[in-house]
PDB file of N, CA and C in Angstrom:
ATOM      1  N   MET A   1     -49.327 -23.697  55.773  1.00  0.00           N
ATOM      2  CA  MET A   1     -48.437 -25.030  55.494  1.00  0.00           C
ATOM      3  C   MET A   1     -46.771 -24.666  55.604  1.00  0.00           C
ATOM      4  N   SER A   2     -46.211 -24.615  56.858  1.00  0.00           N
ATOM      5  CA  SER A   2     -45.096 -24.628  57.177  1.00  0.00           C
ATOM      6  C   SER A   2     -44.031 -26.002  56.646  1.00  0.00           C
ATOM      7  N   ALA A   3     -45.302 -26.934  57.250  1.00  0.00           N
ATOM      8  CA  ALA A   3     -44.254 -27.955  57.503  1.00  0.00           C
ATOM      9  C   ALA A   3     -44.927 -29.337  56.543  1.00  0.00           C
ATOM     10  N   TYR A   4     -44.384 -29.055  55.326  1.00  0.00           N
ATOM     11  CA  TYR A   4     -45.443 -29.816  53.701  1.00  0.00           C
ATOM     12  C   TYR A   4     -44.250 -31.248  54.108  1.00  0.00           C
ATOM     13  N   GLU A   5     -45.329 -31.909  53.579  1.00  0.00           N
ATOM     14  CA  GLU A   5     -45.076 -33.294  53.555  1.00  0.00           C
ATOM     15  C   GLU A   5     -45.533 -34.248  52.432  1.00  0.00           C
ATOM     16  N   LYS A   6     -44.662 -34.277  51.809  1.00  0.00           N
ATOM     17  CA  LYS A   6     -44.899 -35.029  50.180  1.00  0.00           C
ATOM     18  C   LYS A   6     -46.128 -36.572  50.720  1.00  0.00           C
ATOM     19  N   PRO A   7     -47.188 -36.406  50.068  1.00  0.00           N
ATOM     20  CA  PRO A   7     -47.826 -37.338  50.227  1.00  0.00           C
ATOM     21  C   PRO A   7     -47.204 -38.951  49.696  1.00  0.00           C
ATOM     22  N   MET A   8     -47.744 -40.208  50.186  1.00  0.00           N
ATOM     23  CA  MET A   8     -47.434 -41.426  50.047  1.00  0.00           C
ATOM     24  C   MET A   8     -48.323 -42.194  48.802  1.00  0.00           C
ATOM     25  N   ILE A   9     -47.834 -42.946  48.172  1.00  0.00           N
ATOM     26  CA  ILE A   9     -49.033 -43.284  47.565  1.00  0.00           C
ATOM     27  C   ILE A   9     -48.638 -45.064  47.682  1.00  0.00           C
ATOM     28  N   HIS A  10     -49.772 -45.953  47.749  1.00  0.00           N
ATOM     29  CA  HIS A  10     -49.499 -47.440  47.967  1.00  0.00           C
ATOM     30  C   HIS A  10     -50.028 -48.000  47.288  1.00  0.00           C
ATOM     31  N   VAL A  11     -49.841 -48.668  46.726  1.00  0.00           N
ATOM     32  CA  VAL A  11     -50.767 -49.678  45.030  1.00  0.00           C
ATOM     33  C   VAL A  11     -51.100 -51.128  46.030  1.00  0.00           C
ATOM     34  N   VAL A  12     -52.184 -51.753  46.039  1.00  0.00           N
ATOM     35  CA  VAL A  12     -52.544 -52.815  47.112  1.00  0.00           C
ATOM     36  C   VAL A  12     -53.466 -53.409  45.650  1.00  0.00           C
ATOM     37  N   PRO A  13     -52.871 -54.179  45.147  1.00  0.00           N
ATOM     38  CA  PRO A  13     -53.885 -55.134  43.794  1.00  0.00           C
ATOM     39  C   PRO A  13     -54.858 -55.810  44.019  1.00  0.00           C
ATOM     40  N   GLU A  14     -55.099 -56.063  45.739  1.00  0.00           N
ATOM     41  CA  GLU A  14     -56.165 -57.006  45.722  1.00  0.00           C
ATOM     42  C   GLU A  14     -57.512 -56.200  46.123  1.00  0.00           C
ATOM     43  N   GLN A  15     -56.885 -54.673  46.527  1.00  0.00           N
ATOM     44  CA  GLN A  15     -57.816 -53.798  46.896  1.00  0.00           C
ATOM     45  C   GLN A  15     -58.608 -53.242  45.622  1.00  0.00           C
ATOM     46  N   ALA A  16     -60.144 -53.173  45.548  1.00  0.00           N
ATOM     47  CA  ALA A  16     -60.772 -52.307  44.344  1.00  0.00           C
ATOM     48  C   ALA A  16     -61.129 -51.366  44.504  1.00  0.00           C
ATOM     49  N   GLU A  17     -60.642 -50.690  46.142  1.00  0.00           N
ATOM     50  CA  GLU A  17     -61.620 -49.396  46.475  1.00  0.00           C
ATOM     51  C   GLU A  17     -60.086 -48.416  46.597  1.00  0.00           C
ATOM     52  N   GLY A  18     -60.229 -47.140  46.185  1.00  0.00           N
ATOM     53  CA  GLY A  18     -58.899 -46.180  46.621  1.00  0.00           C
ATOM     54  C   GLY A  18     -59.470 -45.165  47.064  1.00  0.00           C
ATOM     55  N   ILE A  19     -58.530 -44.167  47.517  1.00  0.00           N
ATOM     56  CA  ILE A  19     -58.570 -43.143  48.627  1.00  0.00           C
ATOM     57  C   ILE A  19     -58.305 -41.766  47.442  1.00  0.00           C
ATOM     58  N   PHE A  20     -59.066 -40.639  47.335  1.00  0.00           N
ATOM     59  CA  PHE A  20     -58.524 -39.822  46.625  1.00  0.00           C
ATOM     60  C   PHE A  20     -58.296 -38.206  47.197  1.00  0.00           C
ATOM     61  N   MET A  21     -57.305 -37.724  47.007  1.00  0.00           N
ATOM     62  CA  MET A  21     -56.927 -36.616  47.881  1.00  0.00           C
ATOM     63  C   MET A  21     -57.711 -34.953  47.263  1.00  0.00           C
ATOM     64  N   ALA A  22     -58.276 -34.352  48.145  1.00  0.00           N
ATOM     65  CA  ALA A  22     -58.583 -33.084  47.518  1.00  0.00           C
ATOM     66  C   ALA A  22     -57.927 -31.753  48.433  1.00  0.00           C
ATOM     67  N   SER A  23     -58.175 -30.719  47.266  1.00  0.00           N
ATOM     68  CA  SER A  23     -57.544 -29.588  47.876  1.00  0.00           C
ATOM     69  C   SER A  23     -58.258 -28.853  48.146  1.00  0.00           C
ATOM     70  N   GLY A  24     -58.331 -28.628  49.695  1.00  0.00           N
ATOM     71  CA  GLY A  24     -59.755 -27.347  50.495  1.00  0.00           C
ATOM     72  C   GLY A  24     -60.875 -27.819  50.086  1.00  0.00           C
ATOM     73  N   ASP A  25     -62.122 -27.520  50.686  1.00  0.00           N
ATOM     74  CA  ASP A  25     -63.296 -28.363  51.273  1.00  0.00           C
ATOM     75  C   ASP A  25     -64.273 -27.387  50.972  1.00  0.00           C
ATOM     76  N   LYS A  26     -63.872 -26.317  49.861  1.00  0.00           N
ATOM     77  CA  LYS A  26     -65.141 -25.716  49.169  1.00  0.00           C
ATOM     78  C   LYS A  26     -65.566 -26.340  47.792  1.00  0.00           C
ATOM     79  N   THR A  27     -66.859 -26.263  47.784  1.00  0.00           N
ATOM     80  CA  THR A  27     -66.950 -26.908  46.532  1.00  0.00           C
ATOM     81  C   THR A  27     -67.112 -25.783  45.292  1.00  0.00           C
ATOM     82  N   VAL A  28     -66.745 -25.768  43.865  1.00  0.00           N
ATOM     83  CA  VAL A  28     -66.578 -25.470  42.863  1.00  0.00           C
ATOM     84  C   VAL A  28     -66.914 -25.845  41.414  1.00  0.00           C
ATOM     85  N   CYS A  29     -67.244 -24.917  40.638  1.00  0.00           N
ATOM     86  CA  CYS A  29     -67.919 -25.250  39.310  1.00  0.00           C
ATOM     87  C   CYS A  29     -66.379 -25.849  38.518  1.00  0.00           C
ATOM     88  N   ARG A  30     -66.970 -26.678  37.137  1.00  0.00           N
ATOM     89  CA  ARG A  30     -65.841 -26.706  36.127  1.00  0.00           C
ATOM     90  C   ARG A  30     -64.641 -25.433  35.905  1.00  0.00           C
ATOM     91  N   PHE A  31     -65.276 -24.586  36.326  1.00  0.00           N
ATOM     92  CA  PHE A  31     -64.142 -23.000  36.223  1.00  0.00           C
ATOM     93  C   PHE A  31     -63.693 -22.530  36.829  1.00  0.00           C
ATOM     94  N   GLY A  32     -64.025 -23.478  38.440  1.00  0.00           N
ATOM     95  CA  GLY A  32     -63.421 -22.636  39.197  1.00  0.00           C
ATOM     96  C   GLY A  32     -64.457 -21.893  39.996  1.00  0.00           C
ATOM     97  N   ARG A  33     -65.375 -21.428  39.697  1.00  0.00           N
ATOM     98  CA  ARG A  33     -66.373 -20.448  40.791  1.00  0.00           C
ATOM     99  C   ARG A  33     -66.768 -21.100  41.744  1.00  0.00           C
ATOM    100  N   THR A  34     -67.241 -20.264  42.986  1.00  0.00           N
ATOM    101  CA  THR A  34     -68.031 -20.993  43.750  1.00  0.00           C
ATOM    102  C   THR A  34     -69.184 -20.587  44.103  1.00  0.00           C
ATOM    103  N   GLU A  35     -69.859 -19.696  43.196  1.00  0.00           N
ATOM    104  CA  GLU A  35     -71.236 -19.510  43.168  1.00  0.00           C
ATOM    105  C   GLU A  35     -71.670 -19.161  41.724  1.00  0.00           C
ATOM    106  N   ALA A  36     -72.407 -19.325  40.981  1.00  0.00           N
ATOM    107  CA  ALA A  36     -72.973 -18.897  39.715  1.00  0.00           C
ATOM    108  C   ALA A  36     -72.893 -17.301  39.944  1.00  0.00           C
ATOM    109  N   ASN A  37     -72.619 -16.685  39.058  1.00  0.00           N
ATOM    110  CA  ASN A  37     -73.257 -15.111  39.086  1.00  0.00           C
ATOM    111  C   ASN A  37     -73.449 -14.712  37.117  1.00  0.00           C
ATOM    112  N   PRO A  38     -75.237 -14.746  37.154  1.00  0.00           N
ATOM    113  CA  PRO A  38     -75.583 -14.368  35.816  1.00  0.00           C
ATOM    114  C   PRO A  38     -75.173 -13.085  35.465  1.00  0.00           C
ATOM    115  N   GLY A  39     -74.573 -12.328  36.062  1.00  0.00           N
ATOM    116  CA  GLY A  39     -74.020 -11.148  35.507  1.00  0.00           C
ATOM    117  C   GLY A  39     -72.657 -11.566  34.724  1.00  0.00           C
ATOM    118  N   ALA A  40     -71.629 -12.485  35.055  1.00  0.00           N
ATOM    119  CA  ALA A  40     -70.511 -12.932  34.904  1.00  0.00           C
ATOM    120  C   ALA A  40     -70.897 -13.319  33.287  1.00  0.00           C
ATOM    121  N   ASP A  41     -69.726 -12.806  32.526  1.00  0.00           N
ATOM    122  CA  ASP A  41     -69.590 -13.629  31.161  1.00  0.00           C
ATOM    123  C   ASP A  41     -69.311 -15.141  31.003  1.00  0.00           C
ATOM    124  N   THR A  42     -68.234 -15.616  32.176  1.00  0.00           N
ATOM    125  CA  THR A  42     -68.210 -17.103  32.000  1.00  0.00           C
ATOM    126  C   THR A  42     -69.335 -17.572  32.343  1.00  0.00           C
ATOM    127  N   CYS A  43     -70.355 -17.375  33.303  1.00  0.00           N
ATOM    128  CA  CYS A  43     -71.358 -18.214  33.730  1.00  0.00           C
ATOM    129  C   CYS A  43     -72.471 -18.282  32.671  1.00  0.00           C
ATOM    130  N   GLN A  44     -72.478 -16.936  32.164  1.00  0.00           N
ATOM    131  CA  GLN A  44     -73.518 -16.323  31.166  1.00  0.00           C
ATOM    132  C   GLN A  44     -72.950 -18.030  29.486  1.00  0.00           C
ATOM    133  N   ALA A  45     -72.314 -17.622  29.347  1.00  0.00           N
ATOM    134  CA  ALA A  45     -71.379 -18.696  28.285  1.00  0.00           C
ATOM    135  C   ALA A  45     -71.256 -20.064  28.568  1.00  0.00           C
ATOM    136  N   CYS A  46     -71.186 -20.422  29.911  1.00  0.00           N
ATOM    137  CA  CYS A  46     -70.887 -22.349  30.537  1.00  0.00           C
ATOM    138  C   CYS A  46     -72.878 -22.249  30.799  1.00  0.00           C
ATOM    139  N   SER A  47     -73.697 -21.090  31.039  1.00  0.00           N
ATOM    140  CA  SER A  47     -75.031 -21.739  31.008  1.00  0.00           C
ATOM    141  C   SER A  47     -75.631 -21.735  29.314  1.00  0.00           C
ATOM    142  N   LYS A  48     -75.467 -21.045  28.477  1.00  0.00           N
ATOM    143  CA  LYS A  48     -75.453 -21.114  27.207  1.00  0.00           C
ATOM    144  C   LYS A  48     -75.030 -22.270  26.274  1.00  0.00           C
ATOM    145  N   SER A  49     -74.118 -22.721  26.961  1.00  0.00           N
ATOM    146  CA  SER A  49     -73.443 -23.956  26.180  1.00  0.00           C
ATOM    147  C   SER A  49     -73.969 -25.228  27.016  1.00  0.00           C
ATOM    148  N   GLY A  50     -74.386 -25.060  28.011  1.00  0.00           N
ATOM    149  CA  GLY A  50     -74.781 -26.490  28.250  1.00  0.00           C
ATOM    150  C   GLY A  50     -73.423 -26.658  29.495  1.00  0.00           C
ATOM    151  N   GLY A  51     -72.491 -25.984  29.863  1.00  0.00           N
ATOM    152  CA  GLY A  51     -71.600 -26.425  30.059  1.00  0.00           C
ATOM    153  C   GLY A  51     -70.043 -26.699  29.840  1.00  0.00           C
ATOM    154  N   THR A  52     -69.754 -26.544  28.973  1.00  0.00           N
ATOM    155  CA  THR A  52     -69.020 -27.273  27.623  1.00  0.00           C
ATOM    156  C   THR A  52     -67.892 -26.086  27.381  1.00  0.00           C
ATOM    157  N   ALA A  53     -68.526 -24.907  27.372  1.00  0.00           N
ATOM    158  CA  ALA A  53     -67.753 -23.751  26.831  1.00  0.00           C
ATOM    159  C   ALA A  53     -67.689 -22.392  28.641  1.00  0.00           C
ATOM    160  N   SER A  54     -66.694 -21.661  28.729  1.00  0.00           N
ATOM    161  CA  SER A  54     -65.839 -20.589  29.759  1.00  0.00           C
ATOM    162  C   SER A  54     -66.539 -19.540  28.744  1.00  0.00           C
ATOM    163  N   LYS A  55     -65.808 -19.791  27.214  1.00  0.00           N
ATOM    164  CA  LYS A  55     -65.924 -18.346  26.597  1.00  0.00           C
ATOM    165  C   LYS A  55     -66.096 -18.936  25.192  1.00  0.00           C
ATOM    166  N   LEU A  56     -67.197 -18.123  24.591  1.00  0.00           N
ATOM    167  CA  LEU A  56     -67.876 -18.281  23.285  1.00  0.00           C
ATOM    168  C   LEU A  56     -67.564 -17.665  22.181  1.00  0.00           C
ATOM    169  N   ALA A  57     -67.178 -17.720  21.283  1.00  0.00           N
ATOM    170  CA  ALA A  57     -66.739 -17.148  19.993  1.00  0.00           C
ATOM    171  C   ALA A  57     -67.905 -16.026  19.546  1.00  0.00           C
ATOM    172  N   GLU A  58     -69.143 -15.930  20.361  1.00  0.00           N
ATOM    173  CA  GLU A  58     -69.805 -15.113  20.202  1.00  0.00           C
ATOM    174  C   GLU A  58     -70.331 -14.584  21.219  1.00  0.00           C
ATOM    175  N   SER A  59     -70.777 -13.619  21.519  1.00  0.00           N
ATOM    176  CA  SER A  59     -71.296 -12.820  22.812  1.00  0.00           C
ATOM    177  C   SER A  59     -72.503 -13.534  23.325  1.00  0.00           C
ATOM    178  N   THR A  60     -72.664 -13.165  24.434  1.00  0.00           N
ATOM    179  CA  THR A  60     -73.067 -13.599  25.846  1.00  0.00           C
ATOM    180  C   THR A  60     -73.859 -12.752  26.258  1.00  0.00           C
ATOM    181  N   PHE A  61     -74.989 -12.753  26.848  1.00  0.00           N
ATOM    182  CA  PHE A  61     -75.868 -11.931  27.173  1.00  0.00           C
ATOM    183  C   PHE A  61     -76.618 -12.244  28.646  1.00  0.00           C
ATOM    184  N   ARG A  62     -76.765 -11.266  29.448  1.00  0.00           N
ATOM    185  CA  ARG A  62     -77.634 -11.602  30.963  1.00  0.00           C
ATOM    186  C   ARG A  62     -78.814 -12.649  30.488  1.00  0.00           C
ATOM    187  N   SER A  63     -79.324 -12.464  29.502  1.00  0.00           N
ATOM    188  CA  SER A  63     -80.515 -12.980  29.433  1.00  0.00           C
ATOM    189  C   SER A  63     -79.671 -14.476  28.676  1.00  0.00           C
ATOM    190  N   ASP A  64     -78.762 -15.126  27.972  1.00  0.00           N
ATOM    191  CA  ASP A  64     -78.556 -16.315  27.706  1.00  0.00           C
ATOM    192  C   ASP A  64     -78.379 -17.419  28.881  1.00  0.00           C
ATOM    193  N   TYR A  65     -78.060 -17.014  30.255  1.00  0.00           N
ATOM    194  CA  TYR A  65     -78.037 -17.313  31.730  1.00  0.00           C
ATOM    195  C   TYR A  65     -79.317 -18.020  32.189  1.00  0.00           C
ATOM    196  N   ASN A  66     -79.004 -19.054  31.822  1.00  0.00           N
ATOM    197  CA  ASN A  66     -80.640 -20.365  32.485  1.00  0.00           C
ATOM    198  C   ASN A  66     -80.138 -21.313  33.769  1.00  0.00           C
ATOM    199  N   GLY A  67     -79.023 -20.445  33.941  1.00  0.00           N
ATOM    200  CA  GLY A  67     -78.843 -21.364  35.476  1.00  0.00           C
ATOM    201  C   GLY A  67     -77.844 -22.248  35.455  1.00  0.00           C
ATOM    202  N   CYS A  68     -76.884 -22.422  36.718  1.00  0.00           N
ATOM    203  CA  CYS A  68     -75.641 -23.221  36.224  1.00  0.00           C
ATOM    204  C   CYS A  68     -75.603 -24.949  35.862  1.00  0.00           C
ATOM    205  N   PRO A  69     -75.437 -24.954  34.705  1.00  0.00           N
ATOM    206  CA  PRO A  69     -75.285 -26.812  35.228  1.00  0.00           C
ATOM    207  C   PRO A  69     -74.317 -27.530  36.037  1.00  0.00           C
ATOM    208  N   ASP A  70     -74.008 -26.771  36.974  1.00  0.00           N
ATOM    209  CA  ASP A  70     -73.431 -27.318  37.930  1.00  0.00           C
ATOM    210  C   ASP A  70     -73.957 -27.461  39.790  1.00  0.00           C
ATOM    211  N   ASN A  71     -75.319 -26.865  38.949  1.00  0.00           N
ATOM    212  CA  ASN A  71     -76.009 -26.342  40.179  1.00  0.00           C
ATOM    213  C   ASN A  71     -75.241 -25.895  41.526  1.00  0.00           C
ATOM    214  N   MET A  72     -74.369 -24.810  40.917  1.00  0.00           N
ATOM    215  CA  MET A  72     -74.055 -24.005  42.342  1.00  0.00           C
ATOM    216  C   MET A  72     -75.118 -22.947  42.465  1.00  0.00           C
ATOM    217  N   PRO A  73     -74.405 -22.588  43.656  1.00  0.00           N
ATOM    218  CA  PRO A  73     -76.026 -21.548  44.138  1.00  0.00           C
ATOM    219  C   PRO A  73     -75.176 -19.883  44.066  1.00  0.00           C
ATOM    220  N   GLU A  74     -76.706 -19.425  43.173  1.00  0.00           N
ATOM    221  CA  GLU A  74     -76.610 -18.536  42.393  1.00  0.00           C
ATOM    222  C   GLU A  74     -76.010 -16.876  43.471  1.00  0.00           C
ATOM    223  N   LYS A  75     -75.085 -16.045  43.047  1.00  0.00           N
ATOM    224  CA  LYS A  75     -74.407 -14.988  43.840  1.00  0.00           C
ATOM    225  C   LYS A  75     -76.390 -13.853  43.954  1.00  0.00           C
ATOM    226  N   GLN A  76     -76.027 -13.565  45.280  1.00  0.00           N
ATOM    227  CA  GLN A  76     -76.774 -12.883  45.457  1.00  0.00           C
ATOM    228  C   GLN A  76     -76.737 -11.339  45.380  1.00  0.00           C
TER     229      GLN A  76
END
């Protein structure tokens, strides 16, 4: 990105549609991971909490992982 151009915003009150910009083309979960890892503390805590936390006050274990709430592919 050697020639960065600042994006322009146009407001058109008559239109109900919008265009949203995204950075990159990889899908990530709510905690920034591209794949679920049953062995990772973040994925264990997220799965145990139903997707509301990346870290919990209590310990998490591999057995706490029940799948990714964001349906990310699992690391092989």
